[in-house]
Every structure is written in C-alpha cells, then in structure tokens.
C-alpha atoms as a PDB file:
ATOM      1  CA  MET A   1     -13.203  -7.215   2.427  1.00  0.00           C
ATOM      2  CA  LYS A   2     -12.424 -10.428   4.295  1.00  0.00           C
ATOM      3  CA  ARG A   3     -13.006 -13.629   2.374  1.00  0.00           C
ATOM      4  CA  ASN A   4     -14.793 -16.411   4.274  1.00  0.00           C
ATOM      5  CA  THR A   5     -15.446 -19.432   2.081  1.00  0.00           C
ATOM      6  CA  LEU A   6     -17.024 -21.736   4.662  1.00  0.00           C
ATOM      7  CA  ARG A   7     -20.081 -19.638   5.734  1.00  0.00           C
ATOM      8  CA  PRO A   8     -22.327 -22.401   7.206  1.00  0.00           C
ATOM      9  CA  PHE A   9     -26.102 -22.606   6.678  1.00  0.00           C
ATOM     10  CA  SER A  10     -28.927 -25.084   7.423  1.00  0.00           C
ATOM     11  CA  ALA A  11     -28.146 -28.336   5.622  1.00  0.00           C
ATOM     12  CA  VAL A  12     -29.732 -29.342   2.337  1.00  0.00           C
ATOM     13  CA  THR A  13     -29.396 -32.908   1.069  1.00  0.00           C
ATOM     14  CA  LEU A  14     -29.498 -33.472  -2.671  1.00  0.00           C
ATOM     15  CA  VAL A  15     -30.523 -36.701  -4.340  1.00  0.00           C
ATOM     16  CA  MET A  16     -28.064 -36.861  -7.223  1.00  0.00           C
ATOM     17  CA  GLU A  17     -28.424 -39.189 -10.198  1.00  0.00           C
ATOM     18  CA  GLY A  18     -25.936 -41.867 -11.132  1.00  0.00           C
ATOM     19  CA  THR A  19     -23.110 -42.782  -8.789  1.00  0.00           C
ATOM     20  CA  GLU A  20     -23.331 -39.489  -6.870  1.00  0.00           C
ATOM     21  CA  GLY A  21     -26.138 -40.676  -4.564  1.00  0.00           C
ATOM     22  CA  TYR A  22     -26.895 -38.265  -1.735  1.00  0.00           C
ATOM     23  CA  ARG A  23     -24.904 -35.087  -1.247  1.00  0.00           C
ATOM     24  CA  ARG A  24     -25.190 -33.020   1.935  1.00  0.00           C
ATOM     25  CA  VAL A  25     -24.541 -29.300   1.494  1.00  0.00           C
ATOM     26  CA  ASN A  26     -24.288 -27.144   4.620  1.00  0.00           C
ATOM     27  CA  SER A  27     -22.069 -24.207   3.699  1.00  0.00           C
ATOM     28  CA  VAL A  28     -21.482 -21.677   0.968  1.00  0.00           C
ATOM     29  CA  GLN A  29     -18.243 -23.457   0.123  1.00  0.00           C
ATOM     30  CA  ASP A  30     -20.084 -26.796  -0.280  1.00  0.00           C
ATOM     31  CA  ALA A  31     -22.752 -25.139  -2.430  1.00  0.00           C
ATOM     32  CA  ALA A  32     -20.211 -23.467  -4.715  1.00  0.00           C
ATOM     33  CA  GLU A  33     -18.198 -26.687  -5.088  1.00  0.00           C
ATOM     34  CA  THR A  34     -21.344 -28.679  -5.845  1.00  0.00           C
ATOM     35  CA  LEU A  35     -22.529 -26.165  -8.431  1.00  0.00           C
ATOM     36  CA  LEU A  36     -19.163 -25.917 -10.172  1.00  0.00           C
ATOM     37  CA  GLU A  37     -17.970 -29.532  -9.998  1.00  0.00           C
ATOM     38  CA  HIS A  38     -20.954 -31.846  -9.513  1.00  0.00           C
ATOM     39  CA  TRP A  39     -23.964 -30.115 -11.053  1.00  0.00           C
ATOM     40  CA  PRO A  40     -25.874 -32.090 -13.701  1.00  0.00           C
ATOM     41  CA  ILE A  41     -26.203 -29.054 -15.999  1.00  0.00           C
ATOM     42  CA  ALA A  42     -24.006 -25.977 -16.345  1.00  0.00           C
ATOM     43  CA  ASP A  43     -26.788 -23.843 -17.683  1.00  0.00           C
ATOM     44  CA  GLY A  44     -29.911 -22.027 -16.600  1.00  0.00           C
ATOM     45  CA  GLU A  45     -30.766 -18.675 -15.096  1.00  0.00           C
ATOM     46  CA  GLU A  46     -31.077 -19.984 -11.519  1.00  0.00           C
ATOM     47  CA  TYR A  47     -27.777 -21.877 -11.853  1.00  0.00           C
ATOM     48  CA  VAL A  48     -25.888 -18.744 -12.922  1.00  0.00           C
ATOM     49  CA  THR A  49     -27.574 -16.719 -10.183  1.00  0.00           C
ATOM     50  CA  ALA A  50     -26.665 -19.324  -7.554  1.00  0.00           C
ATOM     51  CA  VAL A  51     -23.009 -19.344  -8.593  1.00  0.00           C
ATOM     52  CA  ARG A  52     -22.884 -15.535  -8.437  1.00  0.00           C
ATOM     53  CA  ILE A  53     -24.591 -15.385  -5.041  1.00  0.00           C
ATOM     54  CA  CYS A  54     -22.293 -18.072  -3.624  1.00  0.00           C
ATOM     55  CA  LEU A  55     -19.274 -16.045  -4.727  1.00  0.00           C
ATOM     56  CA  ASP A  56     -20.818 -12.907  -3.207  1.00  0.00           C
ATOM     57  CA  ALA A  57     -21.448 -14.800   0.040  1.00  0.00           C
ATOM     58  CA  MET A  58     -17.819 -15.928   0.159  1.00  0.00           C
ATOM     59  CA  MET A  59     -16.802 -12.290  -0.057  1.00  0.00           C
ATOM     60  CA  GLY A  60     -19.282 -11.250   2.639  1.00  0.00           C
ATOM     61  CA  VAL A  61     -21.446  -9.185   0.285  1.00  0.00           C
ATOM     62  CA  VAL A  62     -24.555 -11.285   1.047  1.00  0.00           C
ATOM     63  CA  GLY A  63     -25.418 -13.721   3.828  1.00  0.00           C
ATOM     64  CA  ALA A  64     -25.082 -17.479   3.755  1.00  0.00           C
ATOM     65  CA  GLU A  65     -28.871 -17.934   3.793  1.00  0.00           C
ATOM     66  CA  ALA A  66     -29.131 -16.012   0.496  1.00  0.00           C
ATOM     67  CA  ALA A  67     -26.704 -18.523  -1.009  1.00  0.00           C
ATOM     68  CA  ARG A  68     -28.760 -21.408   0.403  1.00  0.00           C
ATOM     69  CA  GLU A  69     -31.966 -20.033  -1.111  1.00  0.00           C
ATOM     70  CA  ALA A  70     -30.317 -19.509  -4.505  1.00  0.00           C
ATOM     71  CA  PHE A  71     -28.833 -23.021  -4.350  1.00  0.00           C
ATOM     72  CA  ILE A  72     -32.284 -24.520  -3.708  1.00  0.00           C
ATOM     73  CA  LYS A  73     -33.762 -22.595  -6.650  1.00  0.00           C
ATOM     74  CA  ALA A  74     -30.968 -23.872  -8.893  1.00  0.00           C
ATOM     75  CA  ALA A  75     -31.672 -27.431  -7.747  1.00  0.00           C
ATOM     76  CA  GLU A  76     -35.355 -27.024  -8.549  1.00  0.00           C
ATOM     77  CA  GLU A  77     -34.472 -25.627 -11.985  1.00  0.00           C
ATOM     78  CA  ALA A  78     -32.150 -28.581 -12.686  1.00  0.00           C
ATOM     79  CA  GLY A  79     -34.686 -31.167 -11.476  1.00  0.00           C
ATOM     80  CA  VAL A  80     -32.480 -32.255  -8.574  1.00  0.00           C
ATOM     81  CA  SER A  81     -34.527 -33.628  -5.674  1.00  0.00           C
ATOM     82  CA  LEU A  82     -33.975 -32.146  -2.219  1.00  0.00           C
ATOM     83  CA  LEU A  83     -34.288 -33.488   1.310  1.00  0.00           C
ATOM     84  CA  GLN A  84     -34.379 -30.521   3.685  1.00  0.00           C
END
C-alpha cells in the first residue's frame, strides 16, 4: 500500500486558545499533526477516532474527506471553534 501523507481536503480553520490563534488545516497531514502536537486535550472518543482515521487516510485505507469529518467531530468534542 502506498503511503500518501498529504491527502488534501477542503480547508477547516480552527480558533485555538492561547497563543495558537487561528490554525488552517487543509490536508490529512495537517490534521494528524494538529491532533498529535497542538490539540488542547489528548483524550476523548472522537479524538482517538480522528487520529485513527487520519492514519488510515495516510495509508489510503479511507479517503481524505473521512479524515476531515472525523477531525471536525474531534474539534466539536474538544470545544474548539471552527471556521469552515
């Protein structure tokens, strides 16, 4: 299976607390990096699902839009505001 970490999707802009400000996410790679390195909480069912789906999308098991949808659900769970 060919690994493709970029996998673009329609942009989502997060309103992050603190010094983070706004963060634009427009690919599976951006979503995975944001979840793993910049997420306000490393817990929650939607968070874990989003991480798993992003990894699956990088491996081509699911589409980039599935990762985007999971990412949005994780943001809602964490109370992170979205500008779509």
